[in-house]
């Protein structure tokens, strides 16, 4: 089962990683100015990541 890690970076911002069961990072966040913001980011991913739809946008016209 995957899990999230929440941590404070050297720059003072808060970040999270989503890790697979084998502890490898499979997703990393942007920096957040508050811990609460990072926690909201985790919750957003948890709510929105249930989709199995893949949108292939590699063939977009220029």
N, C-alpha and C. Protein backbone atom coordinates (compact mmCIF):
# COMPACT_ATOMS: atom_id res chain seq x y z
N UNK A 1 0.84 -1.19 0.00
CA UNK A 1 0.00 0.00 0.00
C UNK A 1 0.88 1.24 0.00
N UNK A 2 0.56 2.18 -0.84
CA UNK A 2 1.31 3.43 -0.91
C UNK A 2 1.02 4.32 0.29
N UNK A 3 1.83 5.37 0.44
CA UNK A 3 1.67 6.29 1.55
C UNK A 3 2.28 7.64 1.19
N UNK A 4 1.91 8.66 1.95
CA UNK A 4 2.42 10.01 1.76
C UNK A 4 3.44 10.34 2.84
N UNK A 5 4.47 11.09 2.48
CA UNK A 5 5.38 11.67 3.45
C UNK A 5 5.24 13.18 3.34
N UNK A 6 5.22 13.85 4.46
CA UNK A 6 5.09 15.30 4.53
C UNK A 6 6.34 15.81 5.22
N UNK A 7 7.00 16.80 4.62
CA UNK A 7 8.25 17.28 5.21
C UNK A 7 8.48 18.75 4.87
N UNK A 8 9.38 19.36 5.63
CA UNK A 8 9.76 20.74 5.42
C UNK A 8 11.12 20.76 4.73
N UNK A 9 11.20 21.45 3.60
CA UNK A 9 12.44 21.52 2.84
C UNK A 9 13.42 22.52 3.42
N UNK A 10 14.64 22.49 2.90
CA UNK A 10 15.68 23.42 3.35
C UNK A 10 15.31 24.87 3.08
N UNK A 11 14.41 25.07 2.10
CA UNK A 11 13.96 26.42 1.76
C UNK A 11 12.83 26.92 2.66
N UNK A 12 12.43 26.10 3.65
CA UNK A 12 11.38 26.49 4.58
C UNK A 12 9.97 26.18 4.11
N UNK A 13 9.83 25.67 2.90
CA UNK A 13 8.51 25.33 2.38
C UNK A 13 8.17 23.87 2.74
N UNK A 14 6.89 23.57 2.68
CA UNK A 14 6.40 22.23 2.98
C UNK A 14 6.15 21.47 1.68
N UNK A 15 6.49 20.19 1.69
CA UNK A 15 6.36 19.33 0.51
C UNK A 15 5.78 17.99 0.95
N UNK A 16 5.26 17.26 -0.03
CA UNK A 16 4.85 15.87 0.22
C UNK A 16 5.29 15.02 -0.94
N UNK A 17 5.49 13.76 -0.64
CA UNK A 17 5.77 12.74 -1.65
C UNK A 17 4.75 11.64 -1.50
N UNK A 18 4.36 11.06 -2.61
CA UNK A 18 3.56 9.84 -2.61
C UNK A 18 4.53 8.72 -2.91
N UNK A 19 4.59 7.75 -2.02
CA UNK A 19 5.53 6.64 -2.18
C UNK A 19 4.77 5.33 -2.40
N UNK A 20 5.34 4.48 -3.22
CA UNK A 20 4.78 3.16 -3.48
C UNK A 20 5.10 2.25 -2.29
N UNK A 21 4.52 1.07 -2.29
CA UNK A 21 4.75 0.12 -1.22
C UNK A 21 6.23 -0.24 -1.07
N UNK A 22 6.99 -0.13 -2.16
CA UNK A 22 8.42 -0.43 -2.09
C UNK A 22 9.24 0.80 -1.70
N UNK A 23 8.56 1.87 -1.26
CA UNK A 23 9.15 3.11 -0.74
C UNK A 23 9.74 4.02 -1.81
N UNK A 24 9.51 3.72 -3.07
CA UNK A 24 9.98 4.60 -4.14
C UNK A 24 9.00 5.75 -4.34
N UNK A 25 9.53 6.95 -4.59
CA UNK A 25 8.69 8.12 -4.83
C UNK A 25 8.05 7.97 -6.21
N UNK A 26 6.71 8.09 -6.23
CA UNK A 26 6.01 8.03 -7.51
C UNK A 26 5.33 9.35 -7.86
N UNK A 27 5.30 10.28 -6.90
CA UNK A 27 4.75 11.60 -7.15
C UNK A 27 5.33 12.55 -6.10
N UNK A 28 5.69 13.76 -6.53
CA UNK A 28 6.16 14.75 -5.56
C UNK A 28 5.45 16.07 -5.79
N UNK A 29 5.27 16.81 -4.71
CA UNK A 29 4.48 18.03 -4.77
C UNK A 29 5.33 19.25 -5.12
N UNK A 30 4.62 20.34 -5.33
CA UNK A 30 5.24 21.65 -5.39
C UNK A 30 5.50 22.08 -3.95
N UNK A 31 6.15 23.22 -3.77
CA UNK A 31 6.36 23.74 -2.42
C UNK A 31 5.14 24.52 -1.94
N UNK A 32 4.82 24.37 -0.68
CA UNK A 32 3.71 25.09 -0.06
C UNK A 32 4.26 25.97 1.06
N UNK A 33 3.68 27.14 1.23
CA UNK A 33 4.16 28.04 2.28
C UNK A 33 3.71 27.63 3.67
N UNK A 34 2.69 26.78 3.76
CA UNK A 34 2.20 26.33 5.06
C UNK A 34 2.01 24.81 5.06
N UNK A 35 2.09 24.25 6.24
CA UNK A 35 1.84 22.81 6.40
C UNK A 35 0.40 22.50 6.02
N UNK A 36 -0.51 23.38 6.40
CA UNK A 36 -1.92 23.19 6.07
C UNK A 36 -2.12 23.14 4.56
N UNK A 37 -1.42 23.97 3.82
CA UNK A 37 -1.52 23.96 2.36
C UNK A 37 -1.06 22.63 1.78
N UNK A 38 0.04 22.10 2.32
CA UNK A 38 0.54 20.80 1.86
C UNK A 38 -0.44 19.69 2.18
N UNK A 39 -1.04 19.76 3.36
CA UNK A 39 -2.04 18.75 3.73
C UNK A 39 -3.25 18.82 2.81
N UNK A 40 -3.64 20.02 2.41
CA UNK A 40 -4.76 20.17 1.46
C UNK A 40 -4.37 19.60 0.10
N UNK A 41 -3.11 19.76 -0.29
CA UNK A 41 -2.63 19.19 -1.55
C UNK A 41 -2.73 17.67 -1.54
N UNK A 42 -2.34 17.07 -0.42
CA UNK A 42 -2.44 15.61 -0.28
C UNK A 42 -3.90 15.19 -0.41
N UNK A 43 -4.78 15.89 0.28
CA UNK A 43 -6.20 15.54 0.25
C UNK A 43 -6.78 15.68 -1.15
N UNK A 44 -6.34 16.69 -1.88
CA UNK A 44 -6.81 16.87 -3.26
C UNK A 44 -6.40 15.69 -4.13
N UNK A 45 -5.17 15.24 -3.99
CA UNK A 45 -4.71 14.07 -4.76
C UNK A 45 -5.50 12.84 -4.36
N UNK A 46 -5.72 12.66 -3.08
CA UNK A 46 -6.47 11.49 -2.61
C UNK A 46 -7.88 11.47 -3.20
N UNK A 47 -8.50 12.63 -3.31
CA UNK A 47 -9.87 12.70 -3.83
C UNK A 47 -9.92 12.57 -5.35
N UNK A 48 -8.92 13.07 -6.04
CA UNK A 48 -8.98 13.14 -7.50
C UNK A 48 -8.22 12.05 -8.23
N UNK A 49 -7.45 11.26 -7.53
CA UNK A 49 -6.61 10.26 -8.18
C UNK A 49 -7.33 8.93 -8.42
N UNK A 50 -8.60 8.87 -8.13
CA UNK A 50 -9.33 7.63 -8.31
C UNK A 50 -9.66 7.30 -9.76
N UNK A 51 -9.38 8.21 -10.66
CA UNK A 51 -9.71 7.99 -12.06
C UNK A 51 -8.71 7.05 -12.73
N UNK A 52 -9.22 6.20 -13.61
CA UNK A 52 -8.33 5.34 -14.39
C UNK A 52 -8.22 5.84 -15.83
N UNK A 53 -8.72 7.06 -16.07
CA UNK A 53 -8.67 7.67 -17.39
C UNK A 53 -7.27 8.22 -17.64
N UNK A 54 -6.72 7.90 -18.80
CA UNK A 54 -5.43 8.45 -19.21
C UNK A 54 -5.66 9.29 -20.45
N UNK A 55 -5.30 10.56 -20.38
CA UNK A 55 -5.43 11.47 -21.53
C UNK A 55 -4.05 11.61 -22.16
N UNK A 56 -3.90 11.08 -23.33
CA UNK A 56 -2.63 11.16 -24.04
C UNK A 56 -2.57 12.51 -24.75
N UNK A 57 -1.80 13.44 -24.23
CA UNK A 57 -1.68 14.76 -24.79
C UNK A 57 -0.34 14.96 -25.51
N UNK A 58 0.30 13.85 -25.86
CA UNK A 58 1.58 13.94 -26.54
C UNK A 58 1.44 14.24 -28.02
N UNK A 59 0.22 14.17 -28.55
CA UNK A 59 0.01 14.37 -29.98
C UNK A 59 -0.76 15.65 -30.26
N UNK A 60 -0.68 16.63 -29.36
CA UNK A 60 -1.38 17.89 -29.56
C UNK A 60 -0.75 18.66 -30.73
N UNK A 61 -1.60 19.32 -31.48
CA UNK A 61 -1.10 20.16 -32.60
C UNK A 61 -0.45 21.41 -32.03
N UNK A 62 0.59 21.85 -32.69
CA UNK A 62 1.33 23.04 -32.22
C UNK A 62 0.60 24.31 -32.56
